[in-house]
PDB file of N, CA and C in Angstrom:
ATOM      1  N   MET A   1     -31.509-111.927  50.778  1.00  0.00           N
ATOM      2  CA  MET A   1     -31.391-110.924  51.736  1.00  0.00           C
ATOM      3  C   MET A   1     -30.703-109.728  51.171  1.00  0.00           C
ATOM      4  N   SER A   2     -31.353-108.518  51.149  1.00  0.00           N
ATOM      5  CA  SER A   2     -30.762-107.362  50.657  1.00  0.00           C
ATOM      6  C   SER A   2     -30.314-106.445  51.827  1.00  0.00           C
ATOM      7  N   THR A   3     -29.211-105.758  51.551  1.00  0.00           N
ATOM      8  CA  THR A   3     -28.680-104.822  52.485  1.00  0.00           C
ATOM      9  C   THR A   3     -29.229-103.414  52.219  1.00  0.00           C
ATOM     10  N   ALA A   4     -29.697-102.750  53.204  1.00  0.00           N
ATOM     11  CA  ALA A   4     -30.277-101.350  52.968  1.00  0.00           C
ATOM     12  C   ALA A   4     -29.091-100.460  53.123  1.00  0.00           C
ATOM     13  N   TYR A   5     -28.967 -99.520  52.145  1.00  0.00           N
ATOM     14  CA  TYR A   5     -27.966 -98.507  52.133  1.00  0.00           C
ATOM     15  C   TYR A   5     -28.512 -97.302  51.455  1.00  0.00           C
ATOM     16  N   PRO A   6     -27.936 -96.128  51.848  1.00  0.00           N
ATOM     17  CA  PRO A   6     -28.494 -94.876  51.282  1.00  0.00           C
ATOM     18  C   PRO A   6     -27.965 -94.820  49.796  1.00  0.00           C
ATOM     19  N   ARG A   7     -28.732 -94.223  49.047  1.00  0.00           N
ATOM     20  CA  ARG A   7     -28.442 -94.123  47.571  1.00  0.00           C
ATOM     21  C   ARG A   7     -27.622 -92.853  47.416  1.00  0.00           C
ATOM     22  N   ALA A   8     -26.457 -93.042  46.903  1.00  0.00           N
ATOM     23  CA  ALA A   8     -25.466 -91.981  46.861  1.00  0.00           C
ATOM     24  C   ALA A   8     -25.571 -91.454  45.398  1.00  0.00           C
ATOM     25  N   TRP A   9     -25.694 -92.212  44.389  1.00  0.00           N
ATOM     26  CA  TRP A   9     -25.657 -91.719  42.972  1.00  0.00           C
ATOM     27  C   TRP A   9     -27.195 -91.653  42.579  1.00  0.00           C
ATOM     28  N   LEU A  10     -27.476 -90.322  42.068  1.00  0.00           N
ATOM     29  CA  LEU A  10     -28.889 -90.048  41.661  1.00  0.00           C
ATOM     30  C   LEU A  10     -28.956 -89.868  40.126  1.00  0.00           C
ATOM     31  N   SER A  11     -30.116 -90.152  39.686  1.00  0.00           N
ATOM     32  CA  SER A  11     -30.361 -89.820  38.164  1.00  0.00           C
ATOM     33  C   SER A  11     -30.801 -88.475  38.099  1.00  0.00           C
ATOM     34  N   HIS A  12     -30.864 -87.911  36.893  1.00  0.00           N
ATOM     35  CA  HIS A  12     -31.305 -86.507  36.711  1.00  0.00           C
ATOM     36  C   HIS A  12     -32.607 -86.166  37.245  1.00  0.00           C
ATOM     37  N   THR A  13     -33.626 -87.233  37.043  1.00  0.00           N
ATOM     38  CA  THR A  13     -34.950 -87.034  37.585  1.00  0.00           C
ATOM     39  C   THR A  13     -34.934 -87.054  39.082  1.00  0.00           C
ATOM     40  N   GLU A  14     -34.054 -87.777  39.751  1.00  0.00           N
ATOM     41  CA  GLU A  14     -34.018 -87.814  41.166  1.00  0.00           C
ATOM     42  C   GLU A  14     -33.506 -86.511  41.690  1.00  0.00           C
ATOM     43  N   VAL A  15     -32.486 -85.946  41.000  1.00  0.00           N
ATOM     44  CA  VAL A  15     -31.990 -84.631  41.315  1.00  0.00           C
ATOM     45  C   VAL A  15     -33.001 -83.567  41.223  1.00  0.00           C
ATOM     46  N   ALA A  16     -33.781 -83.683  40.176  1.00  0.00           N
ATOM     47  CA  ALA A  16     -34.912 -82.614  39.927  1.00  0.00           C
ATOM     48  C   ALA A  16     -35.828 -82.728  41.085  1.00  0.00           C
ATOM     49  N   ALA A  17     -36.149 -83.888  41.514  1.00  0.00           N
ATOM     50  CA  ALA A  17     -37.144 -83.992  42.666  1.00  0.00           C
ATOM     51  C   ALA A  17     -36.504 -83.495  43.932  1.00  0.00           C
ATOM     52  N   TYR A  18     -35.152 -83.762  44.116  1.00  0.00           N
ATOM     53  CA  TYR A  18     -34.440 -83.299  45.327  1.00  0.00           C
ATOM     54  C   TYR A  18     -34.440 -81.762  45.347  1.00  0.00           C
ATOM     55  N   LEU A  19     -34.198 -81.191  44.284  1.00  0.00           N
ATOM     56  CA  LEU A  19     -34.062 -79.725  44.105  1.00  0.00           C
ATOM     57  C   LEU A  19     -35.370 -78.957  43.839  1.00  0.00           C
ATOM     58  N   ASP A  20     -36.544 -79.775  43.614  1.00  0.00           N
ATOM     59  CA  ASP A  20     -37.732 -79.227  43.266  1.00  0.00           C
ATOM     60  C   ASP A  20     -37.675 -78.404  41.990  1.00  0.00           C
ATOM     61  N   LEU A  21     -37.029 -78.976  40.951  1.00  0.00           N
ATOM     62  CA  LEU A  21     -36.945 -78.419  39.627  1.00  0.00           C
ATOM     63  C   LEU A  21     -37.510 -79.340  38.573  1.00  0.00           C
ATOM     64  N   HIS A  22     -37.729 -78.875  37.409  1.00  0.00           N
ATOM     65  CA  HIS A  22     -38.183 -79.731  36.410  1.00  0.00           C
ATOM     66  C   HIS A  22     -36.986 -80.640  35.836  1.00  0.00           C
ATOM     67  N   PRO A  23     -37.246 -81.890  35.506  1.00  0.00           N
ATOM     68  CA  PRO A  23     -36.061 -82.720  34.996  1.00  0.00           C
ATOM     69  C   PRO A  23     -35.301 -82.168  33.818  1.00  0.00           C
ATOM     70  N   MET A  24     -36.085 -81.484  32.893  1.00  0.00           N
ATOM     71  CA  MET A  24     -35.359 -80.925  31.712  1.00  0.00           C
ATOM     72  C   MET A  24     -34.483 -79.769  32.212  1.00  0.00           C
ATOM     73  N   THR A  25     -34.725 -79.064  33.187  1.00  0.00           N
ATOM     74  CA  THR A  25     -33.850 -78.002  33.716  1.00  0.00           C
ATOM     75  C   THR A  25     -32.504 -78.783  34.206  1.00  0.00           C
ATOM     76  N   ILE A  26     -32.587 -79.830  34.958  1.00  0.00           N
ATOM     77  CA  ILE A  26     -31.443 -80.534  35.305  1.00  0.00           C
ATOM     78  C   ILE A  26     -30.652 -81.010  34.104  1.00  0.00           C
ATOM     79  N   TYR A  27     -31.394 -81.662  33.229  1.00  0.00           N
ATOM     80  CA  TYR A  27     -30.712 -82.165  32.005  1.00  0.00           C
ATOM     81  C   TYR A  27     -29.974 -81.136  31.246  1.00  0.00           C
ATOM     82  N   LYS A  28     -30.553 -79.892  31.150  1.00  0.00           N
ATOM     83  CA  LYS A  28     -29.895 -78.849  30.478  1.00  0.00           C
ATOM     84  C   LYS A  28     -28.590 -78.457  31.189  1.00  0.00           C
ATOM     85  N   LEU A  29     -28.678 -78.402  32.618  1.00  0.00           N
ATOM     86  CA  LEU A  29     -27.481 -78.027  33.356  1.00  0.00           C
ATOM     87  C   LEU A  29     -26.445 -79.006  33.155  1.00  0.00           C
ATOM     88  N   LEU A  30     -26.816 -80.277  33.111  1.00  0.00           N
ATOM     89  CA  LEU A  30     -25.860 -81.319  32.848  1.00  0.00           C
ATOM     90  C   LEU A  30     -25.154 -81.322  31.508  1.00  0.00           C
ATOM     91  N   ARG A  31     -25.974 -81.012  30.397  1.00  0.00           N
ATOM     92  CA  ARG A  31     -25.467 -80.849  29.177  1.00  0.00           C
ATOM     93  C   ARG A  31     -24.419 -79.679  29.033  1.00  0.00           C
ATOM     94  N   LEU A  32     -24.744 -78.599  29.764  1.00  0.00           N
ATOM     95  CA  LEU A  32     -23.934 -77.425  29.819  1.00  0.00           C
ATOM     96  C   LEU A  32     -22.737 -77.511  30.757  1.00  0.00           C
ATOM     97  N   LYS A  33     -22.577 -78.754  31.426  1.00  0.00           N
ATOM     98  CA  LYS A  33     -21.519 -79.058  32.358  1.00  0.00           C
ATOM     99  C   LYS A  33     -21.531 -77.988  33.597  1.00  0.00           C
ATOM    100  N   GLN A  34     -22.769 -77.645  34.018  1.00  0.00           N
ATOM    101  CA  GLN A  34     -22.871 -76.783  35.181  1.00  0.00           C
ATOM    102  C   GLN A  34     -23.139 -77.527  36.431  1.00  0.00           C
ATOM    103  N   LEU A  35     -23.301 -78.815  36.399  1.00  0.00           N
ATOM    104  CA  LEU A  35     -23.462 -79.690  37.573  1.00  0.00           C
ATOM    105  C   LEU A  35     -22.346 -80.656  37.527  1.00  0.00           C
ATOM    106  N   PRO A  36     -21.792 -81.110  38.712  1.00  0.00           N
ATOM    107  CA  PRO A  36     -20.929 -82.218  38.839  1.00  0.00           C
ATOM    108  C   PRO A  36     -21.581 -83.607  38.550  1.00  0.00           C
ATOM    109  N   ALA A  37     -21.235 -84.352  37.521  1.00  0.00           N
ATOM    110  CA  ALA A  37     -21.828 -85.484  37.135  1.00  0.00           C
ATOM    111  C   ALA A  37     -20.929 -86.425  36.289  1.00  0.00           C
ATOM    112  N   ALA A  38     -21.406 -87.677  36.229  1.00  0.00           N
ATOM    113  CA  ALA A  38     -20.691 -88.660  35.424  1.00  0.00           C
ATOM    114  C   ALA A  38     -21.734 -89.277  34.431  1.00  0.00           C
ATOM    115  N   LYS A  39     -21.356 -89.565  33.294  1.00  0.00           N
ATOM    116  CA  LYS A  39     -22.250 -90.324  32.401  1.00  0.00           C
ATOM    117  C   LYS A  39     -21.853 -91.805  32.457  1.00  0.00           C
ATOM    118  N   VAL A  40     -22.795 -92.601  32.818  1.00  0.00           N
ATOM    119  CA  VAL A  40     -22.533 -94.054  32.905  1.00  0.00           C
ATOM    120  C   VAL A  40     -23.582 -94.735  32.063  1.00  0.00           C
ATOM    121  N   GLY A  41     -23.127 -95.610  31.119  1.00  0.00           N
ATOM    122  CA  GLY A  41     -24.057 -96.317  30.322  1.00  0.00           C
ATOM    123  C   GLY A  41     -25.014 -95.522  29.596  1.00  0.00           C
ATOM    124  N   GLY A  42     -24.614 -94.305  29.207  1.00  0.00           N
ATOM    125  CA  GLY A  42     -25.453 -93.355  28.409  1.00  0.00           C
ATOM    126  C   GLY A  42     -26.423 -92.566  29.391  1.00  0.00           C
ATOM    127  N   GLN A  43     -26.388 -92.768  30.682  1.00  0.00           N
ATOM    128  CA  GLN A  43     -27.226 -92.045  31.556  1.00  0.00           C
ATOM    129  C   GLN A  43     -26.460 -91.191  32.605  1.00  0.00           C
ATOM    130  N   TRP A  44     -26.948 -90.034  32.884  1.00  0.00           N
ATOM    131  CA  TRP A  44     -26.237 -89.198  33.902  1.00  0.00           C
ATOM    132  C   TRP A  44     -26.377 -89.666  35.266  1.00  0.00           C
ATOM    133  N   ARG A  45     -25.354 -89.510  36.014  1.00  0.00           N
ATOM    134  CA  ARG A  45     -25.337 -89.945  37.448  1.00  0.00           C
ATOM    135  C   ARG A  45     -24.795 -88.785  38.291  1.00  0.00           C
ATOM    136  N   ILE A  46     -25.368 -88.330  39.356  1.00  0.00           N
ATOM    137  CA  ILE A  46     -24.943 -87.274  40.182  1.00  0.00           C
ATOM    138  C   ILE A  46     -24.740 -87.762  41.588  1.00  0.00           C
ATOM    139  N   HIS A  47     -23.559 -87.586  42.186  1.00  0.00           N
ATOM    140  CA  HIS A  47     -23.304 -87.997  43.578  1.00  0.00           C
ATOM    141  C   HIS A  47     -23.996 -86.994  44.421  1.00  0.00           C
ATOM    142  N   GLN A  48     -24.796 -87.371  45.407  1.00  0.00           N
ATOM    143  CA  GLN A  48     -25.553 -86.517  46.203  1.00  0.00           C
ATOM    144  C   GLN A  48     -24.634 -85.697  47.065  1.00  0.00           C
ATOM    145  N   GLN A  49     -23.556 -86.208  47.626  1.00  0.00           N
ATOM    146  CA  GLN A  49     -22.571 -85.464  48.412  1.00  0.00           C
ATOM    147  C   GLN A  49     -21.902 -84.421  47.669  1.00  0.00           C
ATOM    148  N   GLN A  50     -21.526 -84.642  46.353  1.00  0.00           N
ATOM    149  CA  GLN A  50     -20.832 -83.732  45.500  1.00  0.00           C
ATOM    150  C   GLN A  50     -21.900 -82.653  45.098  1.00  0.00           C
ATOM    151  N   LEU A  51     -23.073 -82.980  44.929  1.00  0.00           N
ATOM    152  CA  LEU A  51     -24.176 -82.067  44.528  1.00  0.00           C
ATOM    153  C   LEU A  51     -24.384 -81.044  45.630  1.00  0.00           C
ATOM    154  N   ASP A  52     -24.463 -81.617  46.869  1.00  0.00           N
ATOM    155  CA  ASP A  52     -24.598 -80.749  48.057  1.00  0.00           C
ATOM    156  C   ASP A  52     -23.391 -79.793  48.209  1.00  0.00           C
ATOM    157  N   THR A  53     -22.258 -80.296  48.108  1.00  0.00           N
ATOM    158  CA  THR A  53     -21.025 -79.512  48.265  1.00  0.00           C
ATOM    159  C   THR A  53     -20.966 -78.429  47.220  1.00  0.00           C
ATOM    160  N   PHE A  54     -21.341 -78.772  45.910  1.00  0.00           N
ATOM    161  CA  PHE A  54     -21.446 -77.710  44.843  1.00  0.00           C
ATOM    162  C   PHE A  54     -22.317 -76.689  45.070  1.00  0.00           C
ATOM    163  N   LEU A  55     -23.638 -77.113  45.569  1.00  0.00           N
ATOM    164  CA  LEU A  55     -24.653 -76.044  45.877  1.00  0.00           C
ATOM    165  C   LEU A  55     -24.216 -75.205  47.027  1.00  0.00           C
ATOM    166  N   PHE A  56     -23.719 -75.766  48.118  1.00  0.00           N
ATOM    167  CA  PHE A  56     -23.280 -74.891  49.273  1.00  0.00           C
ATOM    168  C   PHE A  56     -22.203 -73.991  48.786  1.00  0.00           C
ATOM    169  N   SER A  57     -21.347 -74.339  47.892  1.00  0.00           N
ATOM    170  CA  SER A  57     -20.252 -73.450  47.421  1.00  0.00           C
ATOM    171  C   SER A  57     -20.773 -72.243  46.718  1.00  0.00           C
ATOM    172  N   ARG A  58     -22.002 -72.368  46.240  1.00  0.00           N
ATOM    173  CA  ARG A  58     -22.584 -71.330  45.376  1.00  0.00           C
ATOM    174  C   ARG A  58     -23.492 -70.343  46.190  1.00  0.00           C
ATOM    175  N   ILE A  59     -23.633 -70.540  47.457  1.00  0.00           N
ATOM    176  CA  ILE A  59     -24.438 -69.733  48.386  1.00  0.00           C
ATOM    177  C   ILE A  59     -23.827 -68.375  48.526  1.00  0.00           C
ATOM    178  N   LYS A  60     -24.647 -67.346  48.183  1.00  0.00           N
ATOM    179  CA  LYS A  60     -24.158 -65.923  48.257  1.00  0.00           C
ATOM    180  C   LYS A  60     -24.638 -65.370  49.629  1.00  0.00           C
ATOM    181  N   ILE A  61     -23.751 -64.781  50.345  1.00  0.00           N
ATOM    182  CA  ILE A  61     -24.021 -64.153  51.606  1.00  0.00           C
ATOM    183  C   ILE A  61     -24.234 -62.624  51.310  1.00  0.00           C
ATOM    184  N   PRO A  62     -25.398 -62.122  51.614  1.00  0.00           N
ATOM    185  CA  PRO A  62     -25.607 -60.745  51.243  1.00  0.00           C
ATOM    186  C   PRO A  62     -24.694 -59.825  52.209  1.00  0.00           C
ATOM    187  N   GLN A  63     -24.163 -58.820  51.651  1.00  0.00           N
ATOM    188  CA  GLN A  63     -23.298 -57.901  52.355  1.00  0.00           C
ATOM    189  C   GLN A  63     -24.091 -56.617  52.701  1.00  0.00           C
ATOM    190  N   GLU A  64     -23.813 -56.066  53.743  1.00  0.00           N
ATOM    191  CA  GLU A  64     -24.591 -54.791  54.179  1.00  0.00           C
ATOM    192  C   GLU A  64     -24.096 -53.728  53.309  1.00  0.00           C
ATOM    193  N   ARG A  65     -24.945 -52.847  52.787  1.00  0.00           N
ATOM    194  CA  ARG A  65     -24.545 -51.713  51.970  1.00  0.00           C
ATOM    195  C   ARG A  65     -24.157 -50.566  52.947  1.00  0.00           C
ATOM    196  N   SER A  66     -23.026 -49.991  52.561  1.00  0.00           N
ATOM    197  CA  SER A  66     -22.605 -48.818  53.300  1.00  0.00           C
ATOM    198  C   SER A  66     -23.404 -47.641  52.954  1.00  0.00           C
ATOM    199  N   ARG A  67     -23.625 -46.775  53.937  1.00  0.00           N
ATOM    200  CA  ARG A  67     -24.499 -45.619  53.807  1.00  0.00           C
ATOM    201  C   ARG A  67     -23.589 -44.440  53.421  1.00  0.00           C
TER     202      ARG A  67
END
């Protein structure tokens, strides 16, 4: 009997699918330490909640230009 649970830790290919990007783009960002991640057993793992928090923190709100 298996327990269903949401998958919290994602591989770089799952992150690529989640963000609709190429897996090599995600891998490059991981190597450059531009995404929050941990390397486990030689493979990158990204926590989905940390990824979402990281992305939301980078949202730019356009400011109105003064005339």
